[in-house]
Amino acid sequence: MDPEAVSNNNESTEASTTDILTESAPITPNLDLLKDIELQVTLRFGSAQMSLKDLAGLGSGAVIELDRALADPVEVLVGGYVIARGEPIVVRGIYGIRISEIASRQERLMTTSLHAASSEGNGA
């Protein structure tokens, strides 16, 4: 086998891997078919872990302390996966979010792994 051909093949594989990691891979025309699909977007201000006893004791006016500070960015989730972060805002009396950061591909994959692990633990 020609060593130069093997070298060129390796370079091609490395270039493809680099494109995937840097998110510069070309978008296929088939992606246009998916652009009209509506997805549920959820904002996560934080979370808390409580016992069933404490949950049962909640009433009107109760306060649940979350695990994030007021200055921490709010997470934007789609399908349970963090895709972005931002600052909550109010526009004409309606909540919104000003996106300040898009989650990296690596971070989205990590979130996906964590989401899958927690789903397996819940029997889902």
PDB file of N, CA and C in Angstrom:
ATOM      1  N   MET A   1       0.853  -1.183   0.000  1.00  0.00           N
ATOM      2  CA  MET A   1       0.000   0.000   0.000  1.00  0.00           C
ATOM      3  C   MET A   1       0.889   1.234   0.000  1.00  0.00           C
ATOM      4  N   ASP A   2       0.475   2.232  -0.727  1.00  0.00           N
ATOM      5  CA  ASP A   2       1.235   3.464  -0.883  1.00  0.00           C
ATOM      6  C   ASP A   2       1.200   4.264   0.422  1.00  0.00           C
ATOM      7  N   PRO A   3       2.383   4.541   1.069  1.00  0.00           N
ATOM      8  CA  PRO A   3       2.403   5.291   2.328  1.00  0.00           C
ATOM      9  C   PRO A   3       1.771   6.673   2.191  1.00  0.00           C
ATOM     10  N   GLU A   4       1.907   7.291   1.018  1.00  0.00           N
ATOM     11  CA  GLU A   4       1.323   8.623   0.826  1.00  0.00           C
ATOM     12  C   GLU A   4      -0.203   8.544   0.841  1.00  0.00           C
ATOM     13  N   ALA A   5      -0.761   7.472   0.269  1.00  0.00           N
ATOM     14  CA  ALA A   5      -2.211   7.291   0.261  1.00  0.00           C
ATOM     15  C   ALA A   5      -2.717   7.111   1.695  1.00  0.00           C
ATOM     16  N   VAL A   6      -1.981   6.344   2.498  1.00  0.00           N
ATOM     17  CA  VAL A   6      -2.362   6.153   3.901  1.00  0.00           C
ATOM     18  C   VAL A   6      -2.298   7.486   4.626  1.00  0.00           C
ATOM     19  N   SER A   7      -1.258   8.268   4.387  1.00  0.00           N
ATOM     20  CA  SER A   7      -1.113   9.574   5.014  1.00  0.00           C
ATOM     21  C   SER A   7      -2.258  10.489   4.624  1.00  0.00           C
ATOM     22  N   ASN A   8      -2.619  10.530   3.338  1.00  0.00           N
ATOM     23  CA  ASN A   8      -3.721  11.372   2.889  1.00  0.00           C
ATOM     24  C   ASN A   8      -5.042  10.927   3.493  1.00  0.00           C
ATOM     25  N   ASN A   9      -5.230   9.614   3.639  1.00  0.00           N
ATOM     26  CA  ASN A   9      -6.447   9.097   4.238  1.00  0.00           C
ATOM     27  C   ASN A   9      -6.541   9.530   5.697  1.00  0.00           C
ATOM     28  N   ASN A  10      -5.437   9.460   6.441  1.00  0.00           N
ATOM     29  CA  ASN A  10      -5.416   9.899   7.833  1.00  0.00           C
ATOM     30  C   ASN A  10      -5.707  11.382   7.940  1.00  0.00           C
ATOM     31  N   GLU A  11      -5.132  12.177   7.037  1.00  0.00           N
ATOM     32  CA  GLU A  11      -5.375  13.620   7.061  1.00  0.00           C
ATOM     33  C   GLU A  11      -6.840  13.919   6.820  1.00  0.00           C
ATOM     34  N   SER A  12      -7.461  13.169   5.907  1.00  0.00           N
ATOM     35  CA  SER A  12      -8.877  13.355   5.621  1.00  0.00           C
ATOM     36  C   SER A  12      -9.713  13.040   6.857  1.00  0.00           C
ATOM     37  N   THR A  13      -9.401  11.950   7.550  1.00  0.00           N
ATOM     38  CA  THR A  13     -10.120  11.578   8.761  1.00  0.00           C
ATOM     39  C   THR A  13      -9.933  12.632   9.833  1.00  0.00           C
ATOM     40  N   GLU A  14      -8.706  13.125  10.015  1.00  0.00           N
ATOM     41  CA  GLU A  14      -8.440  14.157  11.007  1.00  0.00           C
ATOM     42  C   GLU A  14      -9.199  15.429  10.676  1.00  0.00           C
ATOM     43  N   ALA A  15      -9.260  15.796   9.403  1.00  0.00           N
ATOM     44  CA  ALA A  15      -9.983  17.005   9.006  1.00  0.00           C
ATOM     45  C   ALA A  15     -11.462  16.858   9.313  1.00  0.00           C
ATOM     46  N   SER A  16     -12.041  15.682   9.060  1.00  0.00           N
ATOM     47  CA  SER A  16     -13.456  15.462   9.342  1.00  0.00           C
ATOM     48  C   SER A  16     -13.722  15.570  10.830  1.00  0.00           C
ATOM     49  N   THR A  17     -12.857  14.957  11.623  1.00  0.00           N
ATOM     50  CA  THR A  17     -13.003  15.028  13.070  1.00  0.00           C
ATOM     51  C   THR A  17     -12.892  16.460  13.549  1.00  0.00           C
ATOM     52  N   THR A  18     -11.955  17.217  13.002  1.00  0.00           N
ATOM     53  CA  THR A  18     -11.790  18.619  13.387  1.00  0.00           C
ATOM     54  C   THR A  18     -13.036  19.411  13.032  1.00  0.00           C
ATOM     55  N   ASP A  19     -13.608  19.168  11.841  1.00  0.00           N
ATOM     56  CA  ASP A  19     -14.832  19.868  11.452  1.00  0.00           C
ATOM     57  C   ASP A  19     -15.955  19.592  12.439  1.00  0.00           C
ATOM     58  N   ILE A  20     -16.108  18.346  12.845  1.00  0.00           N
ATOM     59  CA  ILE A  20     -17.172  17.991  13.770  1.00  0.00           C
ATOM     60  C   ILE A  20     -16.948  18.670  15.113  1.00  0.00           C
ATOM     61  N   LEU A  21     -15.726  18.655  15.606  1.00  0.00           N
ATOM     62  CA  LEU A  21     -15.445  19.240  16.913  1.00  0.00           C
ATOM     63  C   LEU A  21     -15.574  20.749  16.917  1.00  0.00           C
ATOM     64  N   THR A  22     -15.274  21.391  15.798  1.00  0.00           N
ATOM     65  CA  THR A  22     -15.351  22.852  15.748  1.00  0.00           C
ATOM     66  C   THR A  22     -16.676  23.335  15.193  1.00  0.00           C
ATOM     67  N   GLU A  23     -17.595  22.407  14.936  1.00  0.00           N
ATOM     68  CA  GLU A  23     -18.931  22.723  14.463  1.00  0.00           C
ATOM     69  C   GLU A  23     -18.938  23.418  13.115  1.00  0.00           C
ATOM     70  N   SER A  24     -17.910  23.203  12.288  1.00  0.00           N
ATOM     71  CA  SER A  24     -17.870  23.847  10.993  1.00  0.00           C
ATOM     72  C   SER A  24     -18.285  22.895   9.877  1.00  0.00           C
ATOM     73  N   ALA A  25     -18.823  21.733  10.237  1.00  0.00           N
ATOM     74  CA  ALA A  25     -19.275  20.789   9.222  1.00  0.00           C
ATOM     75  C   ALA A  25     -20.433  21.415   8.455  1.00  0.00           C
ATOM     76  N   PRO A  26     -20.505  21.176   7.156  1.00  0.00           N
ATOM     77  CA  PRO A  26     -21.575  21.783   6.359  1.00  0.00           C
ATOM     78  C   PRO A  26     -22.948  21.263   6.787  1.00  0.00           C
ATOM     79  N   ILE A  27     -23.952  22.133   6.706  1.00  0.00           N
ATOM     80  CA  ILE A  27     -25.323  21.756   7.030  1.00  0.00           C
ATOM     81  C   ILE A  27     -25.953  21.187   5.769  1.00  0.00           C
ATOM     82  N   THR A  28     -26.575  20.030   5.896  1.00  0.00           N
ATOM     83  CA  THR A  28     -27.185  19.400   4.735  1.00  0.00           C
ATOM     84  C   THR A  28     -28.534  20.040   4.443  1.00  0.00           C
ATOM     85  N   PRO A  29     -28.969  19.999   3.196  1.00  0.00           N
ATOM     86  CA  PRO A  29     -30.269  20.566   2.835  1.00  0.00           C
ATOM     87  C   PRO A  29     -31.424  19.903   3.578  1.00  0.00           C
ATOM     88  N   ASN A  30     -31.263  18.643   3.990  1.00  0.00           N
ATOM     89  CA  ASN A  30     -32.331  17.947   4.719  1.00  0.00           C
ATOM     90  C   ASN A  30     -32.639  18.613   6.055  1.00  0.00           C
ATOM     91  N   LEU A  31     -31.692  19.356   6.602  1.00  0.00           N
ATOM     92  CA  LEU A  31     -31.924  20.052   7.851  1.00  0.00           C
ATOM     93  C   LEU A  31     -33.029  21.092   7.683  1.00  0.00           C
ATOM     94  N   ASP A  32     -33.176  21.647   6.490  1.00  0.00           N
ATOM     95  CA  ASP A  32     -34.233  22.616   6.228  1.00  0.00           C
ATOM     96  C   ASP A  32     -35.615  22.015   6.488  1.00  0.00           C
ATOM     97  N   LEU A  33     -35.764  20.722   6.291  1.00  0.00           N
ATOM     98  CA  LEU A  33     -37.039  20.060   6.533  1.00  0.00           C
ATOM     99  C   LEU A  33     -37.420  20.091   8.012  1.00  0.00           C
ATOM    100  N   LEU A  34     -36.437  20.158   8.883  1.00  0.00           N
ATOM    101  CA  LEU A  34     -36.683  20.113  10.323  1.00  0.00           C
ATOM    102  C   LEU A  34     -36.888  21.486  10.945  1.00  0.00           C
ATOM    103  N   LYS A  35     -36.571  22.538  10.236  1.00  0.00           N
ATOM    104  CA  LYS A  35     -36.587  23.880  10.814  1.00  0.00           C
ATOM    105  C   LYS A  35     -37.961  24.360  11.242  1.00  0.00           C
ATOM    106  N   ASP A  36     -39.035  23.802  10.711  1.00  0.00           N
ATOM    107  CA  ASP A  36     -40.386  24.231  11.073  1.00  0.00           C
ATOM    108  C   ASP A  36     -40.957  23.470  12.266  1.00  0.00           C
ATOM    109  N   ILE A  37     -40.224  22.506  12.788  1.00  0.00           N
ATOM    110  CA  ILE A  37     -40.701  21.742  13.940  1.00  0.00           C
ATOM    111  C   ILE A  37     -40.596  22.612  15.188  1.00  0.00           C
ATOM    112  N   GLU A  38     -41.689  22.679  15.944  1.00  0.00           N
ATOM    113  CA  GLU A  38     -41.690  23.460  17.182  1.00  0.00           C
ATOM    114  C   GLU A  38     -41.237  22.587  18.341  1.00  0.00           C
ATOM    115  N   LEU A  39     -40.397  23.163  19.197  1.00  0.00           N
ATOM    116  CA  LEU A  39     -39.854  22.461  20.352  1.00  0.00           C
ATOM    117  C   LEU A  39     -40.198  23.222  21.625  1.00  0.00           C
ATOM    118  N   GLN A  40     -40.395  22.496  22.705  1.00  0.00           N
ATOM    119  CA  GLN A  40     -40.645  23.107  24.006  1.00  0.00           C
ATOM    120  C   GLN A  40     -39.328  23.657  24.560  1.00  0.00           C
ATOM    121  N   VAL A  41     -39.298  24.931  24.900  1.00  0.00           N
ATOM    122  CA  VAL A  41     -38.121  25.571  25.490  1.00  0.00           C
ATOM    123  C   VAL A  41     -38.438  25.834  26.955  1.00  0.00           C
ATOM    124  N   THR A  42     -37.524  25.425  27.834  1.00  0.00           N
ATOM    125  CA  THR A  42     -37.711  25.581  29.274  1.00  0.00           C
ATOM    126  C   THR A  42     -36.573  26.408  29.845  1.00  0.00           C
ATOM    127  N   LEU A  43     -36.897  27.292  30.768  1.00  0.00           N
ATOM    128  CA  LEU A  43     -35.874  28.065  31.479  1.00  0.00           C
ATOM    129  C   LEU A  43     -35.718  27.463  32.864  1.00  0.00           C
ATOM    130  N   ARG A  44     -34.469  27.241  33.274  1.00  0.00           N
ATOM    131  CA  ARG A  44     -34.204  26.675  34.596  1.00  0.00           C
ATOM    132  C   ARG A  44     -33.444  27.702  35.426  1.00  0.00           C
ATOM    133  N   PHE A  45     -34.103  28.175  36.465  1.00  0.00           N
ATOM    134  CA  PHE A  45     -33.503  29.156  37.359  1.00  0.00           C
ATOM    135  C   PHE A  45     -32.655  28.481  38.421  1.00  0.00           C
ATOM    136  N   GLY A  46     -32.899  27.218  38.659  1.00  0.00           N
ATOM    137  CA  GLY A  46     -32.158  26.471  39.666  1.00  0.00           C
ATOM    138  C   GLY A  46     -32.941  25.229  40.041  1.00  0.00           C
ATOM    139  N   SER A  47     -32.439  24.523  41.020  1.00  0.00           N
ATOM    140  CA  SER A  47     -33.137  23.322  41.480  1.00  0.00           C
ATOM    141  C   SER A  47     -32.908  23.154  42.974  1.00  0.00           C
ATOM    142  N   ALA A  48     -33.700  22.296  43.554  1.00  0.00           N
ATOM    143  CA  ALA A  48     -33.585  22.005  44.977  1.00  0.00           C
ATOM    144  C   ALA A  48     -33.958  20.543  45.189  1.00  0.00           C
ATOM    145  N   GLN A  49     -33.396  19.959  46.206  1.00  0.00           N
ATOM    146  CA  GLN A  49     -33.734  18.592  46.561  1.00  0.00           C
ATOM    147  C   GLN A  49     -34.436  18.651  47.909  1.00  0.00           C
ATOM    148  N   MET A  50     -35.625  18.039  47.970  1.00  0.00           N
ATOM    149  CA  MET A  50     -36.422  18.090  49.192  1.00  0.00           C
ATOM    150  C   MET A  50     -36.963  16.702  49.507  1.00  0.00           C
ATOM    151  N   SER A  51     -37.179  16.454  50.777  1.00  0.00           N
ATOM    152  CA  SER A  51     -37.788  15.188  51.185  1.00  0.00           C
ATOM    153  C   SER A  51     -39.286  15.245  50.881  1.00  0.00           C
ATOM    154  N   LEU A  52     -39.899  14.104  50.783  1.00  0.00           N
ATOM    155  CA  LEU A  52     -41.333  14.028  50.544  1.00  0.00           C
ATOM    156  C   LEU A  52     -42.095  14.715  51.678  1.00  0.00           C
ATOM    157  N   LYS A  53     -41.584  14.576  52.884  1.00  0.00           N
ATOM    158  CA  LYS A  53     -42.215  15.208  54.045  1.00  0.00           C
ATOM    159  C   LYS A  53     -42.238  16.725  53.877  1.00  0.00           C
ATOM    160  N   ASP A  54     -41.086  17.308  53.445  1.00  0.00           N
ATOM    161  CA  ASP A  54     -41.019  18.758  53.242  1.00  0.00           C
ATOM    162  C   ASP A  54     -41.922  19.202  52.092  1.00  0.00           C
ATOM    163  N   LEU A  55     -41.960  18.419  51.018  1.00  0.00           N
ATOM    164  CA  LEU A  55     -42.832  18.746  49.888  1.00  0.00           C
ATOM    165  C   LEU A  55     -44.297  18.733  50.313  1.00  0.00           C
ATOM    166  N   ALA A  56     -44.675  17.731  51.092  1.00  0.00           N
ATOM    167  CA  ALA A  56     -46.066  17.611  51.542  1.00  0.00           C
ATOM    168  C   ALA A  56     -46.448  18.770  52.458  1.00  0.00           C
ATOM    169  N   GLY A  57     -45.445  19.364  53.120  1.00  0.00           N
ATOM    170  CA  GLY A  57     -45.705  20.464  54.034  1.00  0.00           C
ATOM    171  C   GLY A  57     -45.762  21.835  53.371  1.00  0.00           C
ATOM    172  N   LEU A  58     -45.540  21.895  52.073  1.00  0.00           N
ATOM    173  CA  LEU A  58     -45.575  23.186  51.371  1.00  0.00           C
ATOM    174  C   LEU A  58     -46.994  23.729  51.306  1.00  0.00           C
ATOM    175  N   GLY A  59     -47.090  25.010  51.424  1.00  0.00           N
ATOM    176  CA  GLY A  59     -48.376  25.674  51.308  1.00  0.00           C
ATOM    177  C   GLY A  59     -48.195  27.009  50.630  1.00  0.00           C
ATOM    178  N   SER A  60     -49.266  27.712  50.464  1.00  0.00           N
ATOM    179  CA  SER A  60     -49.236  29.035  49.845  1.00  0.00           C
ATOM    180  C   SER A  60     -48.306  29.951  50.639  1.00  0.00           C
ATOM    181  N   GLY A  61     -47.399  30.616  49.953  1.00  0.00           N
ATOM    182  CA  GLY A  61     -46.455  31.516  50.598  1.00  0.00           C
ATOM    183  C   GLY A  61     -45.144  30.848  50.988  1.00  0.00           C
ATOM    184  N   ALA A  62     -45.059  29.522  50.844  1.00  0.00           N
ATOM    185  CA  ALA A  62     -43.819  28.812  51.170  1.00  0.00           C
ATOM    186  C   ALA A  62     -42.726  29.234  50.190  1.00  0.00           C
ATOM    187  N   VAL A  63     -41.497  29.204  50.653  1.00  0.00           N
ATOM    188  CA  VAL A  63     -40.349  29.572  49.823  1.00  0.00           C
ATOM    189  C   VAL A  63     -39.437  28.356  49.689  1.00  0.00           C
ATOM    190  N   ILE A  64     -39.060  28.060  48.460  1.00  0.00           N
ATOM    191  CA  ILE A  64     -38.106  26.974  48.206  1.00  0.00           C
ATOM    192  C   ILE A  64     -36.801  27.621  47.764  1.00  0.00           C
ATOM    193  N   GLU A  65     -35.743  27.363  48.507  1.00  0.00           N
ATOM    194  CA  GLU A  65     -34.434  27.927  48.176  1.00  0.00           C
ATOM    195  C   GLU A  65     -33.775  27.079  47.088  1.00  0.00           C
ATOM    196  N   LEU A  66     -33.360  27.743  46.010  1.00  0.00           N
ATOM    197  CA  LEU A  66     -32.721  27.056  44.893  1.00  0.00           C
ATOM    198  C   LEU A  66     -31.209  27.065  45.053  1.00  0.00           C
ATOM    199  N   ASP A  67     -30.536  26.276  44.223  1.00  0.00           N
ATOM    200  CA  ASP A  67     -29.091  26.106  44.329  1.00  0.00           C
ATOM    201  C   ASP A  67     -28.290  27.122  43.520  1.00  0.00           C
ATOM    202  N   ARG A  68     -28.899  28.221  43.116  1.00  0.00           N
ATOM    203  CA  ARG A  68     -28.197  29.236  42.320  1.00  0.00           C
ATOM    204  C   ARG A  68     -28.395  30.616  42.922  1.00  0.00           C
ATOM    205  N   ALA A  69     -27.388  31.453  42.692  1.00  0.00           N
ATOM    206  CA  ALA A  69     -27.458  32.837  43.162  1.00  0.00           C
ATOM    207  C   ALA A  69     -28.242  33.674  42.150  1.00  0.00           C
ATOM    208  N   LEU A  70     -28.739  34.788  42.577  1.00  0.00           N
ATOM    209  CA  LEU A  70     -29.516  35.687  41.727  1.00  0.00           C
ATOM    210  C   LEU A  70     -28.727  36.118  40.493  1.00  0.00           C
ATOM    211  N   ALA A  71     -27.420  36.293  40.635  1.00  0.00           N
ATOM    212  CA  ALA A  71     -26.577  36.758  39.520  1.00  0.00           C
ATOM    213  C   ALA A  71     -26.191  35.635  38.549  1.00  0.00           C
ATOM    214  N   ASP A  72     -26.441  34.375  38.912  1.00  0.00           N
ATOM    215  CA  ASP A  72     -26.094  33.255  38.034  1.00  0.00           C
ATOM    216  C   ASP A  72     -26.988  33.261  36.800  1.00  0.00           C
ATOM    217  N   PRO A  73     -26.441  32.862  35.646  1.00  0.00           N
ATOM    218  CA  PRO A  73     -27.274  32.827  34.437  1.00  0.00           C
ATOM    219  C   PRO A  73     -28.342  31.738  34.520  1.00  0.00           C
ATOM    220  N   VAL A  74     -29.448  31.987  33.847  1.00  0.00           N
ATOM    221  CA  VAL A  74     -30.548  31.039  33.745  1.00  0.00           C
ATOM    222  C   VAL A  74     -30.222  30.082  32.598  1.00  0.00           C
ATOM    223  N   GLU A  75     -30.525  28.803  32.766  1.00  0.00           N
ATOM    224  CA  GLU A  75     -30.261  27.827  31.713  1.00  0.00           C
ATOM    225  C   GLU A  75     -31.466  27.713  30.786  1.00  0.00           C
ATOM    226  N   VAL A  76     -31.176  27.600  29.489  1.00  0.00           N
ATOM    227  CA  VAL A  76     -32.207  27.368  28.476  1.00  0.00           C
ATOM    228  C   VAL A  76     -32.095  25.905  28.076  1.00  0.00           C
ATOM    229  N   LEU A  77     -33.181  25.163  28.243  1.00  0.00           N
ATOM    230  CA  LEU A  77     -33.185  23.735  27.941  1.00  0.00           C
ATOM    231  C   LEU A  77     -34.163  23.424  26.812  1.00  0.00           C
ATOM    232  N   VAL A  78     -33.769  22.497  25.966  1.00  0.00           N
ATOM    233  CA  VAL A  78     -34.649  21.934  24.946  1.00  0.00           C
ATOM    234  C   VAL A  78     -34.527  20.426  25.073  1.00  0.00           C
ATOM    235  N   GLY A  79     -35.641  19.768  25.305  1.00  0.00           N
ATOM    236  CA  GLY A  79     -35.619  18.318  25.471  1.00  0.00           C
ATOM    237  C   GLY A  79     -34.835  17.877  26.688  1.00  0.00           C
ATOM    238  N   GLY A  80     -34.743  18.727  27.684  1.00  0.00           N
ATOM    239  CA  GLY A  80     -34.011  18.396  28.899  1.00  0.00           C
ATOM    240  C   GLY A  80     -32.520  18.660  28.825  1.00  0.00           C
ATOM    241  N   TYR A  81     -32.047  19.205  27.711  1.00  0.00           N
ATOM    242  CA  TYR A  81     -30.617  19.454  27.513  1.00  0.00           C
ATOM    243  C   TYR A  81     -30.330  20.939  27.498  1.00  0.00           C
ATOM    244  N   VAL A  82     -29.288  21.357  28.201  1.00  0.00           N
ATOM    245  CA  VAL A  82     -28.890  22.764  28.230  1.00  0.00           C
ATOM    246  C   VAL A  82     -28.318  23.139  26.865  1.00  0.00           C
ATOM    247  N   ILE A  83     -28.915  24.156  26.230  1.00  0.00           N
ATOM    248  CA  ILE A  83     -28.412  24.616  24.939  1.00  0.00           C
ATOM    249  C   ILE A  83     -27.848  26.028  25.017  1.00  0.00           C
ATOM    250  N   ALA A  84     -28.224  26.782  26.076  1.00  0.00           N
ATOM    251  CA  ALA A  84     -27.760  28.167  26.204  1.00  0.00           C
ATOM    252  C   ALA A  84     -27.970  28.641  27.635  1.00  0.00           C
ATOM    253  N   ARG A  85     -27.446  29.823  27.918  1.00  0.00           N
ATOM    254  CA  ARG A  85     -27.633  30.494  29.215  1.00  0.00           C
ATOM    255  C   ARG A  85     -27.894  31.966  28.950  1.00  0.00           C
ATOM    256  N   GLY A  86     -28.546  32.600  29.900  1.00  0.00           N
ATOM    257  CA  GLY A  86     -28.808  34.010  29.709  1.00  0.00           C
ATOM    258  C   GLY A  86     -29.364  34.673  30.940  1.00  0.00           C
ATOM    259  N   GLU A  87     -29.831  35.893  30.722  1.00  0.00           N
ATOM    260  CA  GLU A  87     -30.338  36.742  31.796  1.00  0.00           C
ATOM    261  C   GLU A  87     -31.847  36.891  31.633  1.00  0.00           C
ATOM    262  N   PRO A  88     -32.604  36.632  32.709  1.00  0.00           N
ATOM    263  CA  PRO A  88     -34.057  36.802  32.596  1.00  0.00           C
ATOM    264  C   PRO A  88     -34.408  38.281  32.440  1.00  0.00           C
ATOM    265  N   ILE A  89     -35.385  38.555  31.587  1.00  0.00           N
ATOM    266  CA  ILE A  89     -35.850  39.926  31.365  1.00  0.00           C
ATOM    267  C   ILE A  89     -37.375  39.915  31.311  1.00  0.00           C
ATOM    268  N   VAL A  90     -37.960  41.094  31.343  1.00  0.00           N
ATOM    269  CA  VAL A  90     -39.401  41.242  31.179  1.00  0.00           C
ATOM    270  C   VAL A  90     -39.615  42.158  29.979  1.00  0.00           C
ATOM    271  N   VAL A  91     -40.425  41.684  29.020  1.00  0.00           N
ATOM    272  CA  VAL A  91     -40.735  42.447  27.816  1.00  0.00           C
ATOM    273  C   VAL A  91     -42.245  42.629  27.760  1.00  0.00           C
ATOM    274  N   ARG A  92     -42.705  43.877  27.891  1.00  0.00           N
ATOM    275  CA  ARG A  92     -44.133  44.191  27.883  1.00  0.00           C
ATOM    276  C   ARG A  92     -44.910  43.302  28.859  1.00  0.00           C
ATOM    277  N   GLY A  93     -44.370  43.116  30.034  1.00  0.00           N
ATOM    278  CA  GLY A  93     -45.040  42.345  31.072  1.00  0.00           C
ATOM    279  C   GLY A  93     -44.925  40.830  30.940  1.00  0.00           C
ATOM    280  N   ILE A  94     -44.122  40.340  29.987  1.00  0.00           N
ATOM    281  CA  ILE A  94     -43.959  38.904  29.775  1.00  0.00           C
ATOM    282  C   ILE A  94     -42.488  38.544  29.983  1.00  0.00           C
ATOM    283  N   TYR A  95     -42.259  37.431  30.674  1.00  0.00           N
ATOM    284  CA  TYR A  95     -40.888  36.978  30.891  1.00  0.00           C
ATOM    285  C   TYR A  95     -40.214  36.614  29.575  1.00  0.00           C
ATOM    286  N   GLY A  96     -38.920  36.844  29.525  1.00  0.00           N
ATOM    287  CA  GLY A  96     -38.108  36.461  28.387  1.00  0.00           C
ATOM    288  C   GLY A  96     -36.703  36.170  28.878  1.00  0.00           C
ATOM    289  N   ILE A  97     -35.812  35.917  27.963  1.00  0.00           N
ATOM    290  CA  ILE A  97     -34.409  35.691  28.325  1.00  0.00           C
ATOM    291  C   ILE A  97     -33.522  36.318  27.268  1.00  0.00           C
ATOM    292  N   ARG A  98     -32.505  37.008  27.733  1.00  0.00           N
ATOM    293  CA  ARG A  98     -31.486  37.564  26.838  1.00  0.00           C
ATOM    294  C   ARG A  98     -30.329  36.580  26.837  1.00  0.00           C
ATOM    295  N   ILE A  99     -30.119  35.917  25.710  1.00  0.00           N
ATOM    296  CA  ILE A  99     -29.084  34.886  25.595  1.00  0.00           C
ATOM    297  C   ILE A  99     -27.705  35.543  25.701  1.00  0.00           C
ATOM    298  N   SER A 100     -26.899  35.019  26.596  1.00  0.00           N
ATOM    299  CA  SER A 100     -25.543  35.540  26.765  1.00  0.00           C
ATOM    300  C   SER A 100     -24.483  34.506  26.365  1.00  0.00           C
ATOM    301  N   GLU A 101     -24.898  33.233  26.264  1.00  0.00           N
ATOM    302  CA  GLU A 101     -23.923  32.181  25.989  1.00  0.00           C
ATOM    303  C   GLU A 101     -24.638  30.984  25.360  1.00  0.00           C
ATOM    304  N   ILE A 102     -24.093  30.485  24.274  1.00  0.00           N
ATOM    305  CA  ILE A 102     -24.580  29.258  23.655  1.00  0.00           C
ATOM    306  C   ILE A 102     -23.691  28.126  24.157  1.00  0.00           C
ATOM    307  N   ALA A 103     -24.309  27.051  24.615  1.00  0.00           N
ATOM    308  CA  ALA A 103     -23.531  25.920  25.120  1.00  0.00           C
ATOM    309  C   ALA A 103     -22.697  25.330  23.989  1.00  0.00           C
ATOM    310  N   SER A 104     -21.465  24.981  24.292  1.00  0.00           N
ATOM    311  CA  SER A 104     -20.584  24.379  23.297  1.00  0.00           C
ATOM    312  C   SER A 104     -21.075  22.976  22.961  1.00  0.00           C
ATOM    313  N   ARG A 105     -20.647  22.473  21.839  1.00  0.00           N
ATOM    314  CA  ARG A 105     -21.013  21.109  21.442  1.00  0.00           C
ATOM    315  C   ARG A 105     -20.575  20.119  22.510  1.00  0.00           C
ATOM    316  N   GLN A 106     -19.362  20.296  23.034  1.00  0.00           N
ATOM    317  CA  GLN A 106     -18.845  19.384  24.060  1.00  0.00           C
ATOM    318  C   GLN A 106     -19.737  19.447  25.309  1.00  0.00           C
ATOM    319  N   GLU A 107     -20.141  20.652  25.693  1.00  0.00           N
ATOM    320  CA  GLU A 107     -20.989  20.798  26.870  1.00  0.00           C
ATOM    321  C   GLU A 107     -22.369  20.169  26.640  1.00  0.00           C
ATOM    322  N   ARG A 108     -22.922  20.342  25.432  1.00  0.00           N
ATOM    323  CA  ARG A 108     -24.219  19.734  25.113  1.00  0.00           C
ATOM    324  C   ARG A 108     -24.116  18.220  25.169  1.00  0.00           C
ATOM    325  N   LEU A 109     -23.009  17.658  24.664  1.00  0.00           N
ATOM    326  CA  LEU A 109     -22.822  16.215  24.713  1.00  0.00           C
ATOM    327  C   LEU A 109     -22.693  15.737  26.155  1.00  0.00           C
ATOM    328  N   MET A 110     -21.991  16.523  26.982  1.00  0.00           N
ATOM    329  CA  MET A 110     -21.840  16.163  28.392  1.00  0.00           C
ATOM    330  C   MET A 110     -23.205  16.203  29.083  1.00  0.00           C
ATOM    331  N   THR A 111     -23.986  17.236  28.793  1.00  0.00           N
ATOM    332  CA  THR A 111     -25.325  17.346  29.368  1.00  0.00           C
ATOM    333  C   THR A 111     -26.168  16.167  28.927  1.00  0.00           C
ATOM    334  N   THR A 112     -26.039  15.766  27.657  1.00  0.00           N
ATOM    335  CA  THR A 112     -26.780  14.626  27.133  1.00  0.00           C
ATOM    336  C   THR A 112     -26.407  13.371  27.909  1.00  0.00           C
ATOM    337  N   SER A 113     -25.122  13.179  28.180  1.00  0.00           N
ATOM    338  CA  SER A 113     -24.671  12.011  28.936  1.00  0.00           C
ATOM    339  C   SER A 113     -25.240  12.026  30.353  1.00  0.00           C
ATOM    340  N   LEU A 114     -25.225  13.182  30.987  1.00  0.00           N
ATOM    341  CA  LEU A 114     -25.761  13.302  32.341  1.00  0.00           C
ATOM    342  C   LEU A 114     -27.258  13.048  32.340  1.00  0.00           C
ATOM    343  N   HIS A 115     -27.951  13.580  31.320  1.00  0.00           N
ATOM    344  CA  HIS A 115     -29.396  13.396  31.206  1.00  0.00           C
ATOM    345  C   HIS A 115     -29.735  11.922  31.025  1.00  0.00           C
ATOM    346  N   ALA A 116     -28.982  11.240  30.175  1.00  0.00           N
ATOM    347  CA  ALA A 116     -29.215   9.814  29.926  1.00  0.00           C
ATOM    348  C   ALA A 116     -28.959   9.001  31.197  1.00  0.00           C
ATOM    349  N   ALA A 117     -27.893   9.342  31.919  1.00  0.00           N
ATOM    350  CA  ALA A 117     -27.569   8.610  33.154  1.00  0.00           C
ATOM    351  C   ALA A 117     -28.671   8.794  34.199  1.00  0.00           C
ATOM    352  N   SER A 118     -29.201  10.018  34.308  1.00  0.00           N
ATOM    353  CA  SER A 118     -30.255  10.253  35.302  1.00  0.00           C
ATOM    354  C   SER A 118     -31.556   9.585  34.869  1.00  0.00           C
ATOM    355  N   SER A 119     -31.833   9.499  33.565  1.00  0.00           N
ATOM    356  CA  SER A 119     -33.031   8.831  33.075  1.00  0.00           C
ATOM    357  C   SER A 119     -32.960   7.342  33.355  1.00  0.00           C
ATOM    358  N   GLU A 120     -31.773   6.751  33.187  1.00  0.00           N
ATOM    359  CA  GLU A 120     -31.595   5.326  33.460  1.00  0.00           C
ATOM    360  C   GLU A 120     -31.819   5.044  34.930  1.00  0.00           C
ATOM    361  N   GLY A 121     -31.379   5.952  35.786  1.00  0.00           N
ATOM    362  CA  GLY A 121     -31.549   5.773  37.217  1.00  0.00           C
ATOM    363  C   GLY A 121     -32.988   5.899  37.670  1.00  0.00           C
ATOM    364  N   ASN A 122     -33.822   6.603  36.860  1.00  0.00           N
ATOM    365  CA  ASN A 122     -35.227   6.787  37.205  1.00  0.00           C
ATOM    366  C   ASN A 122     -36.127   5.752  36.560  1.00  0.00           C
ATOM    367  N   GLY A 123     -35.522   4.800  35.841  1.00  0.00           N
ATOM    368  CA  GLY A 123     -36.311   3.780  35.191  1.00  0.00           C
ATOM    369  C   GLY A 123     -36.982   4.268  33.919  1.00  0.00           C
ATOM    370  N   ALA A 124     -36.598   5.448  33.432  1.00  0.00           N
ATOM    371  CA  ALA A 124     -37.219   5.996  32.234  1.00  0.00           C
ATOM    372  C   ALA A 124     -36.512   5.513  30.993  1.00  0.00           C
TER     373      ALA A 124
END
